[in-house]
Amino acid sequence: MNFNYVCSECSQTYDIRPELMVCPACADHQEKDQPLRGVLEVELSGKALPDFETFDLLPVDRPFFPPIPVGNTPLWEPRNLRTELGFDNLYIKDDGSNPTSSFKDRASFLVSAFAAQHYINEIVLASTGNAGSSMAGVGAAAGQKITLFLPKTAPKAKLIQALQYGATVYRVDGTYDDAFDLSMAYSRRFGGMSRNTAYNPMTIEGKKTVSLEVYQQLGGKVPDWVFLSTGDGCILSGVYKGFRDLFSLGIADKVPTIVSVQAEGSDALFRASQTGKFERLPTQSIADSICVDVPRNGFHALHQLQTYQGQVITVSDDDILTAQARLSASSGLFTEPAGATAFAGFVSMIDRLPSKDCIVILATGNGLKDTPTAGQGVSVSENVITSIDDI
């Protein structure tokens, strides 16, 4: 396979090199409080067989990847939910089973390999929690230095996880967006490769691997629908990228309808889909992983939704808590609020979906990432017993 960069806005092509992150021409038009301009994608050309291996479609040679088992996550067939909801072809892609219990390992895995290929040992990023702990874990396996900027509101479990992996963590008195700006300032002053979502093209490219796996796990079939939660829009673009690559290579026969699900308290992409404009507003949601004021990959994500007739919907925090508890109790899969957001979106659309269609719900992280929030969706008895007679 041959690989190069292509600008998602102006279609200019570039050779892949580590110092190039966004299209220089489009980046000149970057405005404050707006999504990134000139997001670059990895463009591939050549031939691939239907029985391809994932590494065949990635722009870094296999020896550079760290020794950590990222990907190949289970595709659940939730029997109880299928019966309860009347969807016999419902699947859940459990990315909480990745090594750091997060979908973000897919991006970190490729970023780490790309850095190693170019002899770069420090990787810098901002995160609401999952991307940071993910990069820290993958970086630990690779022997790389990870510098992380984390909002002070990030769940404690994700902070501890990153510290356990040996990352240098700077807690930011502000939002994810403030952390993003500080991480960029750090890279400009001290160096290191930025892993920031969408800004580094390898983040989208790494996330496409989930689509390649789903296709293979379904026996060489593209699902009709994919439901996923959305914050920055990078996972959304990664999922599209995987299916688009399969389609352009002649392996798959279509791109699925993708439903982007946002929390009502952090709905910038949904609002932009209605108005055509991104407006920075304060955000708040229990789904911390998708809570962003400015979706850094907003323009790119919105363009793909419009091109491939995708949909953007919102759900409330109460919907998310209810969905999280229901998914756990009915399937045995305990996912964090962001993962449950995708399931809540599916539940809200049940009446509009053909019951025979193949539907995949992407669960992005393990529920143990944020137990205080999960505790809001269940009742904990204050009574304790000392004998079976107390029951």
Protein backbone atom coordinates (compact mmCIF):
# COMPACT_ATOMS: atom_id res chain seq x y z
CA MET A 1 0.00 0.00 0.00
CA ASN A 2 1.04 3.61 -0.60
CA PHE A 3 0.24 6.36 1.91
CA ASN A 4 0.19 10.16 1.91
CA TYR A 5 -1.68 12.98 3.63
CA VAL A 6 -4.64 14.75 2.05
CA CYS A 7 -6.35 17.87 3.44
CA SER A 8 -9.97 17.27 4.37
CA GLU A 9 -10.85 20.81 3.24
CA CYS A 10 -8.79 21.81 0.20
CA SER A 11 -7.70 18.30 -0.96
CA GLN A 12 -4.03 19.30 -1.15
CA THR A 13 -1.76 16.26 -0.75
CA TYR A 14 1.44 16.05 1.27
CA ASP A 15 4.11 13.54 2.09
CA ILE A 16 3.71 12.08 5.57
CA ARG A 17 6.23 13.60 7.95
CA PRO A 18 6.15 14.05 11.74
CA GLU A 19 6.33 17.85 11.83
CA LEU A 20 3.24 18.23 9.61
CA MET A 21 0.00 18.09 11.61
CA VAL A 22 -2.57 20.22 9.74
CA CYS A 23 -2.73 21.65 6.22
CA PRO A 24 -0.56 24.81 6.27
CA ALA A 25 -2.76 26.66 3.79
CA CYS A 26 -6.04 25.97 5.60
CA ALA A 27 -4.51 26.48 9.04
CA ASP A 28 -3.90 30.11 8.08
CA HIS A 29 -7.68 30.58 8.30
CA GLN A 30 -7.94 29.22 11.84
CA GLU A 31 -10.27 31.29 14.00
CA LYS A 32 -10.47 31.48 17.78
CA ASP A 33 -13.03 29.19 19.44
CA GLN A 34 -13.59 27.26 16.22
CA PRO A 35 -12.77 23.66 15.25
CA LEU A 36 -9.47 22.90 13.59
CA ARG A 37 -8.97 23.99 10.01
CA GLY A 38 -7.08 21.79 7.60
CA VAL A 39 -7.45 18.43 9.35
CA LEU A 40 -5.29 15.93 7.47
CA GLU A 41 -6.28 12.37 6.64
CA VAL A 42 -4.08 9.48 5.62
CA GLU A 43 -4.87 8.62 2.01
CA LEU A 44 -4.04 5.10 0.87
CA SER A 45 -3.82 3.54 -2.55
CA GLY A 46 -3.02 0.10 -3.86
CA LYS A 47 -4.64 -3.31 -3.60
CA ALA A 48 -5.90 -5.16 -0.58
CA LEU A 49 -7.54 -8.57 -0.36
CA PRO A 50 -10.81 -9.24 1.48
CA ASP A 51 -8.84 -11.24 4.06
CA PHE A 52 -6.57 -8.26 4.80
CA GLU A 53 -4.81 -7.77 8.12
CA THR A 54 -5.36 -4.47 9.92
CA PHE A 55 -1.65 -3.62 9.87
CA ASP A 56 -1.76 -3.81 6.05
CA LEU A 57 -3.91 -0.69 5.97
CA LEU A 58 -1.87 1.43 8.41
CA PRO A 59 0.96 3.82 7.42
CA VAL A 60 3.53 2.51 9.95
CA ASP A 61 5.40 -0.79 9.69
CA ARG A 62 4.50 -3.41 12.29
CA PRO A 63 7.91 -3.57 14.07
CA PHE A 64 7.45 -0.01 15.34
CA PHE A 65 4.26 -0.80 17.29
CA PRO A 66 4.72 -1.28 21.04
CA PRO A 67 4.24 -4.71 22.64
CA ILE A 68 0.74 -4.15 24.00
CA PRO A 69 -2.38 -5.98 22.68
CA VAL A 70 -4.53 -3.12 21.37
CA GLY A 71 -7.63 -3.89 19.32
CA ASN A 72 -9.33 -7.15 18.42
CA THR A 73 -12.00 -6.29 20.97
CA PRO A 74 -15.13 -8.45 21.31
CA LEU A 75 -18.26 -7.90 19.27
CA TRP A 76 -20.99 -8.88 21.72
CA GLU A 77 -24.25 -10.51 20.68
CA PRO A 78 -26.50 -9.38 23.57
CA ARG A 79 -29.20 -12.06 23.62
CA ASN A 80 -31.35 -10.49 26.35
CA LEU A 81 -31.33 -7.05 24.73
CA ARG A 82 -32.11 -8.52 21.32
CA THR A 83 -35.18 -10.19 22.80
CA GLU A 84 -36.26 -7.20 24.90
CA LEU A 85 -35.89 -4.68 22.08
CA GLY A 86 -36.85 -6.84 19.10
CA PHE A 87 -33.59 -6.50 17.18
CA ASP A 88 -32.09 -9.86 16.27
CA ASN A 89 -29.04 -8.33 14.61
CA LEU A 90 -27.97 -6.00 17.41
CA TYR A 91 -24.26 -6.01 18.32
CA ILE A 92 -22.13 -4.13 20.84
CA LYS A 93 -18.46 -3.47 20.10
CA ASP A 94 -16.78 -3.56 23.51
CA ASP A 95 -13.74 -1.29 23.31
CA GLY A 96 -13.60 -1.06 27.08
CA SER A 97 -11.69 -4.34 26.85
CA ASN A 98 -8.65 -2.61 25.36
CA PRO A 99 -5.52 -2.65 27.58
CA THR A 100 -6.28 0.69 29.29
CA SER A 101 -10.05 0.03 29.14
CA SER A 102 -10.69 2.65 26.47
CA PHE A 103 -11.28 3.01 22.73
CA LYS A 104 -8.55 5.67 22.77
CA ASP A 105 -5.90 2.95 22.79
CA ARG A 106 -6.44 2.61 19.05
CA ALA A 107 -5.19 6.14 18.40
CA SER A 108 -2.44 5.94 21.02
CA PHE A 109 -1.14 2.69 19.50
CA LEU A 110 -0.59 4.25 16.08
CA VAL A 111 0.72 7.56 17.45
CA SER A 112 3.26 5.67 19.56
CA ALA A 113 4.41 3.63 16.55
CA PHE A 114 4.63 6.74 14.36
CA ALA A 115 6.73 8.52 16.99
CA ALA A 116 9.02 5.49 17.33
CA GLN A 117 9.45 5.31 13.56
CA HIS A 118 10.70 8.91 13.62
CA TYR A 119 12.85 8.59 16.77
CA ILE A 120 10.62 10.87 18.86
CA ASN A 121 10.43 9.85 22.51
CA GLU A 122 8.11 12.44 24.11
CA ILE A 123 4.39 12.60 23.32
CA VAL A 124 2.27 15.50 24.59
CA LEU A 125 -1.50 15.77 24.81
CA ALA A 126 -4.59 17.17 26.51
CA SER A 127 -7.39 14.88 27.58
CA THR A 128 -10.60 14.68 29.56
CA GLY A 129 -9.11 11.48 30.95
CA ASN A 130 -9.32 8.49 28.61
CA ALA A 131 -6.92 9.66 25.90
CA GLY A 132 -4.41 10.65 28.56
CA SER A 133 -4.48 7.40 30.49
CA SER A 134 -4.46 5.54 27.18
CA MET A 135 -1.40 7.34 25.85
CA ALA A 136 0.29 6.87 29.22
CA GLY A 137 -0.33 3.12 29.16
CA VAL A 138 0.71 2.60 25.56
CA GLY A 139 3.68 4.89 26.08
CA ALA A 140 4.76 2.84 29.10
CA ALA A 141 4.82 -0.27 26.93
CA ALA A 142 6.88 1.60 24.33
CA GLY A 143 9.26 3.21 26.82
CA GLN A 144 8.18 6.72 25.77
CA LYS A 145 7.77 9.87 27.88
CA ILE A 146 4.15 11.03 28.10
CA THR A 147 3.25 14.56 29.16
CA LEU A 148 -0.42 15.05 29.90
CA PHE A 149 -2.60 18.11 30.55
CA LEU A 150 -5.77 17.11 32.39
CA PRO A 151 -8.70 19.26 33.57
CA LYS A 152 -9.02 19.24 37.35
CA THR A 153 -12.57 17.86 36.96
CA ALA A 154 -11.38 14.64 35.28
CA PRO A 155 -12.51 11.50 37.13
CA LYS A 156 -9.99 10.47 39.77
CA ALA A 157 -9.74 6.93 38.38
CA LYS A 158 -8.43 8.28 35.07
CA LEU A 159 -5.93 10.55 36.83
CA ILE A 160 -4.63 7.69 38.97
CA GLN A 161 -4.42 5.43 35.94
CA ALA A 162 -2.23 7.91 34.05
CA LEU A 163 0.02 8.38 37.08
CA GLN A 164 0.33 4.62 37.57
CA TYR A 165 1.61 4.36 34.01
CA GLY A 166 4.30 6.93 34.83
CA ALA A 167 3.02 9.94 32.86
CA THR A 168 3.91 13.50 33.81
CA VAL A 169 0.51 15.02 34.59
CA TYR A 170 -0.32 18.70 34.80
CA ARG A 171 -3.77 19.32 36.25
CA VAL A 172 -5.39 22.35 34.64
CA ASP A 173 -7.66 24.81 36.44
CA GLY A 174 -10.09 24.94 33.55
CA THR A 175 -11.84 22.91 30.88
CA TYR A 176 -10.57 20.40 28.34
CA ASP A 177 -10.33 23.26 25.87
CA ASP A 178 -8.00 25.13 28.26
CA ALA A 179 -5.93 21.97 28.67
CA PHE A 180 -5.72 21.63 24.88
CA ASP A 181 -4.34 25.17 24.53
CA LEU A 182 -1.76 24.59 27.27
CA SER A 183 -0.59 21.33 25.73
CA MET A 184 -0.10 23.06 22.40
CA ALA A 185 1.89 25.83 24.08
CA TYR A 186 4.05 23.20 25.79
CA SER A 187 4.83 21.47 22.49
CA ARG A 188 5.78 24.75 20.84
CA ARG A 189 8.16 25.64 23.68
CA PHE A 190 9.63 22.31 24.73
CA GLY A 191 9.03 19.99 21.78
CA GLY A 192 7.58 16.50 21.73
CA MET A 193 4.99 15.06 19.35
CA SER A 194 1.44 16.26 19.93
CA ARG A 195 -1.11 13.48 20.16
CA ASN A 196 -4.02 15.90 20.42
CA THR A 197 -7.17 14.55 18.86
CA ALA A 198 -7.66 15.44 15.19
CA TYR A 199 -4.59 17.71 15.29
CA ASN A 200 -2.38 14.66 14.88
CA PRO A 201 -3.60 12.82 11.74
CA MET A 202 -2.62 9.49 13.26
CA THR A 203 -5.40 9.79 15.85
CA ILE A 204 -8.13 9.48 13.23
CA GLU A 205 -6.16 6.85 11.33
CA GLY A 206 -5.72 4.73 14.44
CA LYS A 207 -9.39 4.91 15.31
CA LYS A 208 -10.41 3.59 11.90
CA THR A 209 -9.25 0.14 12.99
CA VAL A 210 -12.53 -0.42 14.86
CA SER A 211 -14.40 -0.36 11.54
CA LEU A 212 -12.00 -2.83 9.97
CA GLU A 213 -12.55 -5.20 12.89
CA VAL A 214 -16.34 -4.89 12.81
CA TYR A 215 -16.33 -5.72 9.10
CA GLN A 216 -14.26 -8.84 9.70
CA GLN A 217 -16.19 -9.93 12.80
CA LEU A 218 -19.45 -9.71 10.86
CA GLY A 219 -18.02 -12.13 8.31
CA GLY A 220 -17.14 -9.58 5.66
CA LYS A 221 -20.23 -7.44 6.06
CA VAL A 222 -20.83 -3.74 6.68
CA PRO A 223 -23.52 -3.06 9.30
CA ASP A 224 -26.52 -0.99 8.32
CA TRP A 225 -26.19 1.34 11.32
CA VAL A 226 -23.45 2.33 13.73
CA PHE A 227 -24.25 4.29 16.89
CA LEU A 228 -21.43 6.12 18.65
CA SER A 229 -21.03 8.90 21.17
CA THR A 230 -19.41 12.13 20.00
CA GLY A 231 -17.41 14.88 21.66
CA ASP A 232 -14.50 16.14 19.55
CA GLY A 233 -15.70 14.20 16.51
CA CYS A 234 -12.46 12.26 16.10
CA ILE A 235 -13.95 8.82 16.79
CA LEU A 236 -16.75 9.63 14.38
CA SER A 237 -14.26 10.49 11.64
CA GLY A 238 -12.17 7.44 12.44
CA VAL A 239 -15.16 5.12 12.10
CA TYR A 240 -16.07 6.75 8.80
CA LYS A 241 -12.45 6.51 7.63
CA GLY A 242 -12.30 2.76 8.17
CA PHE A 243 -15.47 2.03 6.24
CA ARG A 244 -14.55 4.55 3.54
CA ASP A 245 -11.19 2.85 3.05
CA LEU A 246 -12.85 -0.55 2.71
CA PHE A 247 -15.28 0.90 0.18
CA SER A 248 -12.63 2.73 -1.86
CA LEU A 249 -10.48 -0.42 -2.00
CA GLY A 250 -13.44 -2.37 -3.38
CA ILE A 251 -13.62 -4.66 -0.34
CA ALA A 252 -16.92 -3.39 1.08
CA ASP A 253 -20.04 -2.49 -0.85
CA LYS A 254 -21.21 0.51 1.20
CA VAL A 255 -20.60 2.91 4.08
CA PRO A 256 -23.05 2.42 6.98
CA THR A 257 -25.42 5.04 8.30
CA ILE A 258 -23.68 6.48 11.32
CA VAL A 259 -25.62 8.07 14.17
CA SER A 260 -23.60 10.51 16.24
CA VAL A 261 -25.03 10.77 19.74
CA GLN A 262 -24.24 13.77 21.94
CA ALA A 263 -25.14 14.70 25.49
CA GLU A 264 -27.63 17.57 25.66
CA GLY A 265 -25.19 19.52 27.80
CA SER A 266 -22.40 19.20 25.22
CA ASP A 267 -24.03 19.34 21.81
CA ALA A 268 -21.87 21.58 19.63
CA LEU A 269 -21.94 19.21 16.65
CA PHE A 270 -25.71 18.82 16.87
CA ARG A 271 -26.21 22.59 16.97
CA ALA A 272 -23.85 23.07 14.03
CA SER A 273 -25.80 20.47 12.04
CA GLN A 274 -28.86 22.66 12.49
CA THR A 275 -27.31 26.11 11.99
CA GLY A 276 -24.17 25.45 9.97
CA LYS A 277 -22.07 27.27 12.59
CA PHE A 278 -19.99 26.27 15.59
CA GLU A 279 -20.56 28.43 18.63
CA ARG A 280 -18.55 27.98 21.80
CA LEU A 281 -20.85 27.56 24.79
CA PRO A 282 -20.09 26.27 28.31
CA THR A 283 -20.68 22.53 28.56
CA GLN A 284 -21.64 20.18 31.34
CA SER A 285 -22.52 16.49 31.29
CA ILE A 286 -21.96 13.34 33.32
CA ALA A 287 -20.41 11.91 30.14
CA ASP A 288 -17.06 13.60 30.77
CA SER A 289 -15.33 11.86 27.86
CA ILE A 290 -17.48 13.69 25.33
CA CYS A 291 -17.83 17.01 27.17
CA VAL A 292 -16.07 19.67 25.07
CA ASP A 293 -16.83 23.31 24.34
CA VAL A 294 -15.24 23.29 20.88
CA PRO A 295 -15.16 19.98 18.97
CA ARG A 296 -11.66 20.10 17.52
CA ASN A 297 -12.63 17.88 14.61
CA GLY A 298 -15.99 19.58 14.15
CA PHE A 299 -15.73 20.76 10.54
CA HIS A 300 -14.38 17.44 9.33
CA ALA A 301 -16.92 15.39 11.27
CA LEU A 302 -19.88 17.48 10.13
CA HIS A 303 -18.79 17.27 6.50
CA GLN A 304 -18.71 13.47 6.63
CA LEU A 305 -22.11 13.25 8.30
CA GLN A 306 -23.53 15.41 5.51
CA THR A 307 -21.72 13.52 2.74
CA TYR A 308 -22.80 10.06 3.90
CA GLN A 309 -26.28 10.95 5.21
CA GLY A 310 -25.38 10.38 8.84
CA GLN A 311 -27.42 11.73 11.74
CA VAL A 312 -26.71 13.71 14.90
CA ILE A 313 -29.00 13.38 17.93
CA THR A 314 -28.86 14.29 21.60
CA VAL A 315 -29.81 12.53 24.82
CA SER A 316 -30.14 13.80 28.37
CA ASP A 317 -27.94 12.88 31.31
CA ASP A 318 -30.89 11.00 32.79
CA ASP A 319 -31.17 9.02 29.54
CA ILE A 320 -27.47 8.19 29.78
CA LEU A 321 -27.70 6.96 33.38
CA THR A 322 -30.76 4.85 32.56
CA ALA A 323 -29.05 3.39 29.50
CA GLN A 324 -25.88 2.62 31.44
CA ALA A 325 -27.77 0.66 34.11
CA ARG A 326 -29.94 -1.12 31.55
CA LEU A 327 -27.01 -2.15 29.40
CA SER A 328 -25.21 -3.53 32.45
CA ALA A 329 -28.21 -5.41 33.85
CA SER A 330 -29.40 -6.83 30.53
CA SER A 331 -26.12 -7.71 28.82
CA GLY A 332 -23.44 -7.82 31.49
CA LEU A 333 -21.49 -5.04 29.78
CA PHE A 334 -20.64 -2.18 32.17
CA THR A 335 -19.61 0.82 30.10
CA GLU A 336 -18.77 4.37 31.14
CA PRO A 337 -21.25 7.21 30.53
CA ALA A 338 -19.84 8.06 27.10
CA GLY A 339 -20.30 4.47 25.97
CA ALA A 340 -23.82 4.41 27.39
CA THR A 341 -24.58 7.60 25.46
CA ALA A 342 -24.45 5.62 22.21
CA PHE A 343 -26.83 3.01 23.61
CA ALA A 344 -29.18 5.75 24.88
CA GLY A 345 -29.25 7.18 21.37
CA PHE A 346 -30.14 3.79 19.91
CA VAL A 347 -32.98 3.34 22.42
CA SER A 348 -34.35 6.78 21.55
CA MET A 349 -34.53 5.82 17.85
CA ILE A 350 -35.91 2.29 18.14
CA ASP A 351 -39.27 3.21 16.62
CA ARG A 352 -37.53 4.58 13.51
CA LEU A 353 -35.21 1.64 12.83
CA PRO A 354 -36.01 -1.48 10.78
CA SER A 355 -35.92 -4.36 13.25
CA LYS A 356 -34.10 -6.67 10.82
CA ASP A 357 -31.23 -4.26 10.16
CA CYS A 358 -27.72 -4.99 11.40
CA ILE A 359 -26.90 -2.47 14.13
CA VAL A 360 -23.61 -1.97 15.95
CA ILE A 361 -23.33 0.13 19.12
CA LEU A 362 -19.85 1.30 20.05
CA ALA A 363 -19.11 1.10 23.79
CA THR A 364 -16.00 3.22 24.23
CA GLY A 365 -14.82 2.63 27.79
CA ASN A 366 -15.15 0.48 30.90
CA GLY A 367 -17.64 1.62 33.56
CA LEU A 368 -15.01 1.39 36.29
CA LYS A 369 -13.43 4.50 34.77
CA ASP A 370 -16.05 6.61 36.57
CA THR A 371 -17.85 4.78 39.39
CA PRO A 372 -19.20 7.90 41.16
CA THR A 373 -21.30 8.72 38.10
CA ALA A 374 -22.42 5.11 37.68
CA GLY A 375 -23.53 5.17 41.31
CA GLN A 376 -26.13 7.79 40.44
CA GLY A 377 -27.97 5.27 38.30
CA VAL A 378 -28.40 2.58 40.95
CA SER A 379 -29.72 2.40 44.52
CA VAL A 380 -27.29 1.45 47.26
CA SER A 381 -29.01 0.13 50.38
CA GLU A 382 -28.08 1.75 53.68
CA ASN A 383 -29.05 -1.41 55.53
CA VAL A 384 -26.44 -3.97 56.46
CA ILE A 385 -27.04 -7.44 57.84
CA THR A 386 -25.25 -9.67 60.30
CA SER A 387 -27.40 -12.75 59.86
CA ILE A 388 -29.50 -14.45 57.23
CA ASP A 389 -32.44 -13.77 59.56
CA ASP A 390 -32.03 -10.03 58.84
CA ILE A 391 -33.18 -10.51 55.25
